[in-house]
Amino acid sequence: MNAQAIHMPVINSLDFSRKAQEFHDIIPLLRFSRLGEYLADANGSLDITLSGVVGKSGEPGLRLAVQGALNLTCQRCLDSFEYLLDVTADFVLVTSEDAIPSPDSDEYDDEVDYLVAETQMPVMDLVEDEILLALPLAPKHAEKDCLASSKVELEKPSPFAALKDFKVGGSQND
């Protein structure tokens, strides 16, 4: 077990929810092992808040909020840029995967994110999963800020330009 894993907060998700507990921390980007491969650099930190909640129907849940800035690599110009991250996710805790409503059932709501409750749930894994889901598939600067979009493309001759002077012989009625 490495030193990073020793300091990771671990919660009993059902107890955390029922007791309306809260975890808040500012976590350096270096602590996220899987996120590193998507970053231009690992400078900075993220503000994390995880709250235990009880829904209107009494169901246990978790609310996660993550804010901060990530340095990503633009896929157009390959320069780094600051991407503002603002993630809010609500989860309904269920005791097992069988308790998640089937998409064919009347109870199914595609707006609800279900999470199987764990007695030893690593908070960092949940946070990192949500950050990765929030990242753009192909990160890019805004077009006005991107160096690649300001480059002037050389005008290529049309492959059909030579055909414009080519005419089929005149019709017989001419």
C-alpha atoms as a PDB file:
ATOM      1  CA  MET A   1       0.000   0.000   0.000  1.00  0.00           C
ATOM      2  CA  ASN A   2       1.497   3.326  -0.963  1.00  0.00           C
ATOM      3  CA  ALA A   3       1.494   6.481   1.162  1.00  0.00           C
ATOM      4  CA  GLN A   4      -1.224   8.048  -0.966  1.00  0.00           C
ATOM      5  CA  ALA A   5      -3.652   5.195  -0.304  1.00  0.00           C
ATOM      6  CA  ILE A   6      -3.122   5.384   3.467  1.00  0.00           C
ATOM      7  CA  HIS A   7      -4.519   8.936   3.678  1.00  0.00           C
ATOM      8  CA  MET A   8      -7.574   8.392   1.477  1.00  0.00           C
ATOM      9  CA  PRO A   9     -10.847   8.981   3.314  1.00  0.00           C
ATOM     10  CA  VAL A  10     -13.073   5.911   3.437  1.00  0.00           C
ATOM     11  CA  ILE A  11     -16.725   6.065   4.509  1.00  0.00           C
ATOM     12  CA  ASN A  12     -19.607   3.749   5.268  1.00  0.00           C
ATOM     13  CA  SER A  13     -21.893   5.305   2.673  1.00  0.00           C
ATOM     14  CA  LEU A  14     -25.208   4.358   4.337  1.00  0.00           C
ATOM     15  CA  ASP A  15     -24.164   5.633   7.776  1.00  0.00           C
ATOM     16  CA  PHE A  16     -22.655   8.739   6.191  1.00  0.00           C
ATOM     17  CA  SER A  17     -25.970   9.459   4.464  1.00  0.00           C
ATOM     18  CA  ARG A  18     -28.291   8.663   7.364  1.00  0.00           C
ATOM     19  CA  LYS A  19     -26.241  10.800   9.761  1.00  0.00           C
ATOM     20  CA  ALA A  20     -26.095  13.649   7.207  1.00  0.00           C
ATOM     21  CA  GLN A  21     -22.334  13.817   7.560  1.00  0.00           C
ATOM     22  CA  GLU A  22     -20.114  15.972   5.386  1.00  0.00           C
ATOM     23  CA  PHE A  23     -16.604  15.603   4.052  1.00  0.00           C
ATOM     24  CA  HIS A  24     -14.874  18.726   2.752  1.00  0.00           C
ATOM     25  CA  ASP A  25     -11.285  19.013   1.601  1.00  0.00           C
ATOM     26  CA  ILE A  26      -9.033  20.724  -0.884  1.00  0.00           C
ATOM     27  CA  ILE A  27      -7.178  17.929  -2.629  1.00  0.00           C
ATOM     28  CA  PRO A  28      -4.058  18.380  -4.800  1.00  0.00           C
ATOM     29  CA  LEU A  29      -4.392  17.069  -8.352  1.00  0.00           C
ATOM     30  CA  LEU A  30      -1.379  14.842  -7.732  1.00  0.00           C
ATOM     31  CA  ARG A  31      -3.586  12.646  -5.492  1.00  0.00           C
ATOM     32  CA  PHE A  32      -5.748  11.555  -8.460  1.00  0.00           C
ATOM     33  CA  SER A  33      -3.927   8.681 -10.131  1.00  0.00           C
ATOM     34  CA  ARG A  34      -6.180   8.123 -13.175  1.00  0.00           C
ATOM     35  CA  LEU A  35      -6.834  11.814 -13.855  1.00  0.00           C
ATOM     36  CA  GLY A  36      -3.136  12.540 -14.396  1.00  0.00           C
ATOM     37  CA  GLU A  37      -3.058  11.083 -17.903  1.00  0.00           C
ATOM     38  CA  TYR A  38      -5.650  13.654 -19.060  1.00  0.00           C
ATOM     39  CA  LEU A  39      -3.876  16.688 -17.635  1.00  0.00           C
ATOM     40  CA  ALA A  40      -1.278  18.919 -19.276  1.00  0.00           C
ATOM     41  CA  ASP A  41       0.198  19.294 -15.775  1.00  0.00           C
ATOM     42  CA  ALA A  42      -0.842  18.335 -12.267  1.00  0.00           C
ATOM     43  CA  ASN A  43      -0.495  21.792 -10.726  1.00  0.00           C
ATOM     44  CA  GLY A  44      -3.395  22.930  -8.605  1.00  0.00           C
ATOM     45  CA  SER A  45      -6.063  21.406  -6.421  1.00  0.00           C
ATOM     46  CA  LEU A  46      -9.789  20.753  -6.330  1.00  0.00           C
ATOM     47  CA  ASP A  47     -12.349  21.766  -3.725  1.00  0.00           C
ATOM     48  CA  ILE A  48     -14.351  18.651  -2.802  1.00  0.00           C
ATOM     49  CA  THR A  49     -17.538  18.439  -0.748  1.00  0.00           C
ATOM     50  CA  LEU A  50     -19.389  15.173  -0.158  1.00  0.00           C
ATOM     51  CA  SER A  51     -22.616  15.370   1.849  1.00  0.00           C
ATOM     52  CA  GLY A  52     -24.872  12.654   3.141  1.00  0.00           C
ATOM     53  CA  VAL A  53     -28.533  13.353   2.386  1.00  0.00           C
ATOM     54  CA  VAL A  54     -31.884  11.696   2.889  1.00  0.00           C
ATOM     55  CA  GLY A  55     -34.283  12.055  -0.036  1.00  0.00           C
ATOM     56  CA  LYS A  56     -37.944  13.095   0.065  1.00  0.00           C
ATOM     57  CA  SER A  57     -39.019   9.456   0.169  1.00  0.00           C
ATOM     58  CA  GLY A  58     -36.515   8.636   2.919  1.00  0.00           C
ATOM     59  CA  GLU A  59     -33.961   7.042   0.601  1.00  0.00           C
ATOM     60  CA  PRO A  60     -30.307   7.550   1.558  1.00  0.00           C
ATOM     61  CA  GLY A  61     -28.153   9.505  -0.836  1.00  0.00           C
ATOM     62  CA  LEU A  62     -24.949  11.397  -1.424  1.00  0.00           C
ATOM     63  CA  ARG A  63     -24.344  14.821  -2.964  1.00  0.00           C
ATOM     64  CA  LEU A  64     -20.921  15.482  -4.450  1.00  0.00           C
ATOM     65  CA  ALA A  65     -19.600  18.896  -5.472  1.00  0.00           C
ATOM     66  CA  VAL A  66     -16.193  19.400  -7.093  1.00  0.00           C
ATOM     67  CA  GLN A  67     -14.807  22.778  -8.183  1.00  0.00           C
ATOM     68  CA  GLY A  68     -11.449  23.844  -9.480  1.00  0.00           C
ATOM     69  CA  ALA A  69      -9.335  24.374 -12.556  1.00  0.00           C
ATOM     70  CA  LEU A  70      -7.575  21.731 -14.609  1.00  0.00           C
ATOM     71  CA  ASN A  71      -4.853  22.316 -17.178  1.00  0.00           C
ATOM     72  CA  LEU A  72      -5.840  20.273 -20.226  1.00  0.00           C
ATOM     73  CA  THR A  73      -4.227  19.956 -23.650  1.00  0.00           C
ATOM     74  CA  CYS A  74      -6.118  21.500 -26.562  1.00  0.00           C
ATOM     75  CA  GLN A  75      -6.713  18.894 -29.263  1.00  0.00           C
ATOM     76  CA  ARG A  76      -6.494  21.536 -32.020  1.00  0.00           C
ATOM     77  CA  CYS A  77      -3.222  23.315 -31.202  1.00  0.00           C
ATOM     78  CA  LEU A  78      -1.741  20.987 -28.516  1.00  0.00           C
ATOM     79  CA  ASP A  79      -1.192  23.934 -26.178  1.00  0.00           C
ATOM     80  CA  SER A  80      -2.404  23.747 -22.581  1.00  0.00           C
ATOM     81  CA  PHE A  81      -5.402  25.705 -21.381  1.00  0.00           C
ATOM     82  CA  GLU A  82      -7.332  26.143 -18.156  1.00  0.00           C
ATOM     83  CA  TYR A  83     -10.577  24.176 -17.959  1.00  0.00           C
ATOM     84  CA  LEU A  84     -12.916  25.230 -15.160  1.00  0.00           C
ATOM     85  CA  LEU A  85     -14.436  22.218 -13.491  1.00  0.00           C
ATOM     86  CA  ASP A  86     -17.753  22.543 -11.669  1.00  0.00           C
ATOM     87  CA  VAL A  87     -19.354  19.159 -11.010  1.00  0.00           C
ATOM     88  CA  THR A  88     -22.424  18.486  -8.902  1.00  0.00           C
ATOM     89  CA  ALA A  89     -23.745  14.939  -8.704  1.00  0.00           C
ATOM     90  CA  ASP A  90     -26.559  13.433  -6.640  1.00  0.00           C
ATOM     91  CA  PHE A  91     -26.684   9.712  -5.931  1.00  0.00           C
ATOM     92  CA  VAL A  92     -29.374   7.484  -4.492  1.00  0.00           C
ATOM     93  CA  LEU A  93     -27.831   4.695  -2.441  1.00  0.00           C
ATOM     94  CA  VAL A  94     -29.123   1.162  -2.953  1.00  0.00           C
ATOM     95  CA  THR A  95     -28.195  -1.999  -1.073  1.00  0.00           C
ATOM     96  CA  SER A  96     -27.339  -4.014  -4.202  1.00  0.00           C
ATOM     97  CA  GLU A  97     -27.378  -3.814  -7.977  1.00  0.00           C
ATOM     98  CA  ASP A  98     -30.649  -5.752  -7.921  1.00  0.00           C
ATOM     99  CA  ALA A  99     -32.272  -2.797  -6.121  1.00  0.00           C
ATOM    100  CA  ILE A 100     -31.637  -0.483  -9.097  1.00  0.00           C
ATOM    101  CA  PRO A 101     -34.880  -0.184 -11.070  1.00  0.00           C
ATOM    102  CA  SER A 102     -34.833  -1.776 -14.506  1.00  0.00           C
ATOM    103  CA  PRO A 103     -35.171   0.626 -17.460  1.00  0.00           C
ATOM    104  CA  ASP A 104     -38.392  -1.247 -18.335  1.00  0.00           C
ATOM    105  CA  SER A 105     -39.997  -0.670 -14.916  1.00  0.00           C
ATOM    106  CA  ASP A 106     -42.335   2.162 -13.900  1.00  0.00           C
ATOM    107  CA  GLU A 107     -39.965   3.217 -11.083  1.00  0.00           C
ATOM    108  CA  TYR A 108     -37.072   3.846 -13.467  1.00  0.00           C
ATOM    109  CA  ASP A 109     -35.978   7.460 -13.794  1.00  0.00           C
ATOM    110  CA  ASP A 110     -33.072   8.147 -16.152  1.00  0.00           C
ATOM    111  CA  GLU A 111     -32.340  11.364 -14.239  1.00  0.00           C
ATOM    112  CA  VAL A 112     -31.376   9.421 -11.098  1.00  0.00           C
ATOM    113  CA  ASP A 113     -27.848   8.117 -10.544  1.00  0.00           C
ATOM    114  CA  TYR A 114     -27.774   5.016  -8.366  1.00  0.00           C
ATOM    115  CA  LEU A 115     -24.803   3.955  -6.311  1.00  0.00           C
ATOM    116  CA  VAL A 116     -24.433   0.647  -4.507  1.00  0.00           C
ATOM    117  CA  ALA A 117     -23.807   1.325  -0.816  1.00  0.00           C
ATOM    118  CA  GLU A 118     -20.484   0.178   0.612  1.00  0.00           C
ATOM    119  CA  THR A 119     -19.216  -0.142   4.159  1.00  0.00           C
ATOM    120  CA  GLN A 120     -15.706   0.795   2.974  1.00  0.00           C
ATOM    121  CA  MET A 121     -16.255   3.286   0.131  1.00  0.00           C
ATOM    122  CA  PRO A 122     -13.120   5.222  -0.905  1.00  0.00           C
ATOM    123  CA  VAL A 123     -14.240   8.826  -1.395  1.00  0.00           C
ATOM    124  CA  MET A 124     -11.378   9.525  -3.794  1.00  0.00           C
ATOM    125  CA  ASP A 125     -12.574   6.828  -6.218  1.00  0.00           C
ATOM    126  CA  LEU A 126     -16.069   8.336  -6.371  1.00  0.00           C
ATOM    127  CA  VAL A 127     -14.651  11.845  -6.832  1.00  0.00           C
ATOM    128  CA  GLU A 128     -12.215  10.768  -9.538  1.00  0.00           C
ATOM    129  CA  ASP A 129     -14.917   8.821 -11.409  1.00  0.00           C
ATOM    130  CA  GLU A 130     -17.150  11.907 -11.533  1.00  0.00           C
ATOM    131  CA  ILE A 131     -14.298  14.174 -12.628  1.00  0.00           C
ATOM    132  CA  LEU A 132     -13.407  11.798 -15.462  1.00  0.00           C
ATOM    133  CA  LEU A 133     -17.046  11.671 -16.574  1.00  0.00           C
ATOM    134  CA  ALA A 134     -17.184  15.478 -16.623  1.00  0.00           C
ATOM    135  CA  LEU A 135     -14.123  15.944 -18.829  1.00  0.00           C
ATOM    136  CA  PRO A 136     -14.751  16.840 -22.463  1.00  0.00           C
ATOM    137  CA  LEU A 137     -14.141  14.013 -24.920  1.00  0.00           C
ATOM    138  CA  ALA A 138     -11.829  16.222 -27.013  1.00  0.00           C
ATOM    139  CA  PRO A 139     -10.754  19.231 -24.936  1.00  0.00           C
ATOM    140  CA  LYS A 140     -10.281  22.422 -26.938  1.00  0.00           C
ATOM    141  CA  HIS A 141      -9.725  26.109 -26.338  1.00  0.00           C
ATOM    142  CA  ALA A 142     -12.553  28.420 -27.213  1.00  0.00           C
ATOM    143  CA  GLU A 143     -12.130  28.935 -30.973  1.00  0.00           C
ATOM    144  CA  LYS A 144     -11.196  32.615 -30.517  1.00  0.00           C
ATOM    145  CA  ASP A 145      -8.386  31.641 -28.103  1.00  0.00           C
ATOM    146  CA  CYS A 146      -6.975  28.687 -30.028  1.00  0.00           C
ATOM    147  CA  LEU A 147      -3.729  29.151 -31.915  1.00  0.00           C
ATOM    148  CA  ALA A 148      -4.721  26.536 -34.509  1.00  0.00           C
ATOM    149  CA  SER A 149      -7.891  28.399 -35.493  1.00  0.00           C
ATOM    150  CA  SER A 150      -5.916  31.594 -36.187  1.00  0.00           C
ATOM    151  CA  LYS A 151      -3.555  29.934 -38.651  1.00  0.00           C
ATOM    152  CA  VAL A 152      -4.196  30.858 -42.255  1.00  0.00           C
ATOM    153  CA  GLU A 153      -4.694  27.811 -44.394  1.00  0.00           C
ATOM    154  CA  LEU A 154      -3.006  27.823 -47.742  1.00  0.00           C
ATOM    155  CA  GLU A 155      -5.479  27.779 -50.563  1.00  0.00           C
ATOM    156  CA  LYS A 156      -5.243  24.457 -52.311  1.00  0.00           C
ATOM    157  CA  PRO A 157      -6.143  24.320 -55.964  1.00  0.00           C
ATOM    158  CA  SER A 158      -9.316  22.442 -56.637  1.00  0.00           C
ATOM    159  CA  PRO A 159      -8.734  19.086 -58.309  1.00  0.00           C
ATOM    160  CA  PHE A 160     -11.577  20.058 -60.669  1.00  0.00           C
ATOM    161  CA  ALA A 161     -10.009  23.379 -61.744  1.00  0.00           C
ATOM    162  CA  ALA A 162      -8.446  21.764 -64.807  1.00  0.00           C
ATOM    163  CA  LEU A 163     -11.870  20.569 -65.903  1.00  0.00           C
ATOM    164  CA  LYS A 164     -13.402  24.050 -66.122  1.00  0.00           C
ATOM    165  CA  ASP A 165     -11.713  24.686 -69.475  1.00  0.00           C
ATOM    166  CA  PHE A 166     -12.584  21.277 -70.775  1.00  0.00           C
ATOM    167  CA  LYS A 167     -15.784  21.250 -72.798  1.00  0.00           C
ATOM    168  CA  VAL A 168     -17.491  18.432 -74.457  1.00  0.00           C
ATOM    169  CA  GLY A 169     -17.558  19.011 -78.228  1.00  0.00           C
ATOM    170  CA  GLY A 170     -20.415  21.225 -79.397  1.00  0.00           C
ATOM    171  CA  SER A 171     -23.768  19.694 -80.074  1.00  0.00           C
ATOM    172  CA  GLN A 172     -24.665  18.679 -83.607  1.00  0.00           C
ATOM    173  CA  ASN A 173     -27.315  21.375 -83.823  1.00  0.00           C
ATOM    174  CA  ASP A 174     -24.770  24.219 -83.521  1.00  0.00           C
END
